[in-house]
């Protein structure tokens, strides 16, 4: 397989792993707040999310540190995507208003 193509796939895999990890964290926190056993939610989710992520990094890297690095960059990029997607609507509208005020 072409090396550049493998790096692109590693970046995409990092994004997918990051979305699974951080969106799963967001769901877990929302569930834990209303649950009768929040420790079970938090610890169970932590081990599942971490296990999936580490296994994904292991398979994506395939023994090459370049792939691991690119995968980590995708993982970090996904954090910002999930953070932006999961903002409360009021906060999004407030930020848009601030941007509009600065542009005038």
Protein backbone atom coordinates (compact mmCIF):
# COMPACT_ATOMS: atom_id res chain seq x y z
CA UNK A 1 0.00 0.00 0.00
CA UNK A 2 1.18 3.50 -0.79
CA UNK A 3 2.71 5.17 2.28
CA UNK A 4 0.79 8.44 1.81
CA UNK A 5 -2.47 6.54 1.46
CA UNK A 6 -1.72 4.64 4.67
CA UNK A 7 -1.12 7.93 6.49
CA UNK A 8 -4.42 9.35 5.22
CA UNK A 9 -6.21 6.23 6.43
CA UNK A 10 -4.44 6.53 9.78
CA UNK A 11 -5.67 10.12 10.13
CA UNK A 12 -9.24 9.10 9.29
CA UNK A 13 -9.00 6.20 11.75
CA UNK A 14 -7.78 8.65 14.41
CA UNK A 15 -10.80 10.86 13.78
CA UNK A 16 -13.14 7.88 14.08
CA UNK A 17 -11.46 6.71 17.29
CA UNK A 18 -11.59 10.22 18.69
CA UNK A 19 -15.27 10.63 17.89
CA UNK A 20 -16.03 7.29 19.54
CA UNK A 21 -13.97 8.20 22.60
CA UNK A 22 -15.08 11.80 23.18
CA UNK A 23 -18.70 11.42 22.11
CA UNK A 24 -18.88 8.33 24.31
CA UNK A 25 -17.48 10.40 27.17
CA UNK A 26 -20.11 13.07 26.58
CA UNK A 27 -22.91 10.49 26.61
CA UNK A 28 -21.46 8.87 29.73
CA UNK A 29 -21.37 12.11 31.68
CA UNK A 30 -24.95 12.91 30.70
CA UNK A 31 -26.10 9.44 31.80
CA UNK A 32 -24.02 9.45 34.99
CA UNK A 33 -25.59 12.69 36.21
CA UNK A 34 -29.07 11.14 36.28
CA UNK A 35 -28.08 7.57 37.15
CA UNK A 36 -28.45 5.89 40.53
CA UNK A 37 -25.00 4.31 40.04
CA UNK A 38 -22.80 6.92 38.36
CA UNK A 39 -19.56 5.19 39.35
CA UNK A 40 -20.57 2.13 37.34
CA UNK A 41 -21.31 4.28 34.29
CA UNK A 42 -18.07 6.22 34.57
CA UNK A 43 -15.75 3.30 35.26
CA UNK A 44 -17.40 0.95 32.77
CA UNK A 45 -17.37 3.57 30.04
CA UNK A 46 -13.76 4.46 30.79
CA UNK A 47 -12.54 0.89 30.37
CA UNK A 48 -14.59 0.29 27.22
CA UNK A 49 -13.61 3.57 25.56
CA UNK A 50 -9.95 3.20 26.51
CA UNK A 51 -9.82 -0.42 25.37
CA UNK A 52 -11.34 0.38 21.99
CA UNK A 53 -9.04 3.37 21.53
CA UNK A 54 -5.85 1.55 22.48
CA UNK A 55 -6.74 -1.44 20.30
CA UNK A 56 -7.46 0.94 17.42
CA UNK A 57 -4.12 2.70 17.85
CA UNK A 58 -2.34 -0.64 17.97
CA UNK A 59 -3.91 -1.90 14.73
CA UNK A 60 -3.58 1.41 12.90
CA UNK A 61 0.09 1.89 13.83
CA UNK A 62 1.04 -1.60 12.65
CA UNK A 63 4.50 -1.08 14.12
CA UNK A 64 5.15 2.29 12.44
CA UNK A 65 5.48 5.38 14.60
CA UNK A 66 4.51 7.69 11.72
CA UNK A 67 1.07 6.09 11.47
CA UNK A 68 0.65 6.30 15.23
CA UNK A 69 1.54 10.00 15.21
CA UNK A 70 -0.89 10.80 12.39
CA UNK A 71 -3.59 8.74 14.10
CA UNK A 72 -3.03 10.75 17.30
CA UNK A 73 -3.41 13.99 15.33
CA UNK A 74 -6.75 12.75 13.99
CA UNK A 75 -7.76 11.76 17.52
CA UNK A 76 -7.00 15.27 18.79
CA UNK A 77 -8.81 16.86 15.85
CA UNK A 78 -11.87 14.78 16.69
CA UNK A 79 -11.83 16.20 20.22
CA UNK A 80 -12.39 19.68 18.83
CA UNK A 81 -15.08 18.44 16.46
CA UNK A 82 -17.01 16.72 19.24
CA UNK A 83 -16.53 19.71 21.53
CA UNK A 84 -17.99 22.02 18.90
CA UNK A 85 -20.86 19.64 18.09
CA UNK A 86 -21.88 19.07 21.71
CA UNK A 87 -21.98 22.72 22.81
CA UNK A 88 -25.33 23.81 24.19
CA UNK A 89 -27.35 25.76 21.62
CA UNK A 90 -27.47 28.88 23.80
CA UNK A 91 -23.68 28.97 23.95
CA UNK A 92 -23.43 28.57 20.18
CA UNK A 93 -25.84 31.47 19.63
CA UNK A 94 -23.99 33.62 22.15
CA UNK A 95 -20.69 33.00 20.34
CA UNK A 96 -22.28 33.87 16.99
CA UNK A 97 -23.61 37.11 18.46
CA UNK A 98 -20.16 38.01 19.80
CA UNK A 99 -18.62 37.31 16.39
CA UNK A 100 -21.25 39.47 14.68
CA UNK A 101 -20.64 42.34 17.13
CA UNK A 102 -16.90 42.26 16.48
CA UNK A 103 -17.40 42.23 12.72
CA UNK A 104 -19.47 45.44 12.68
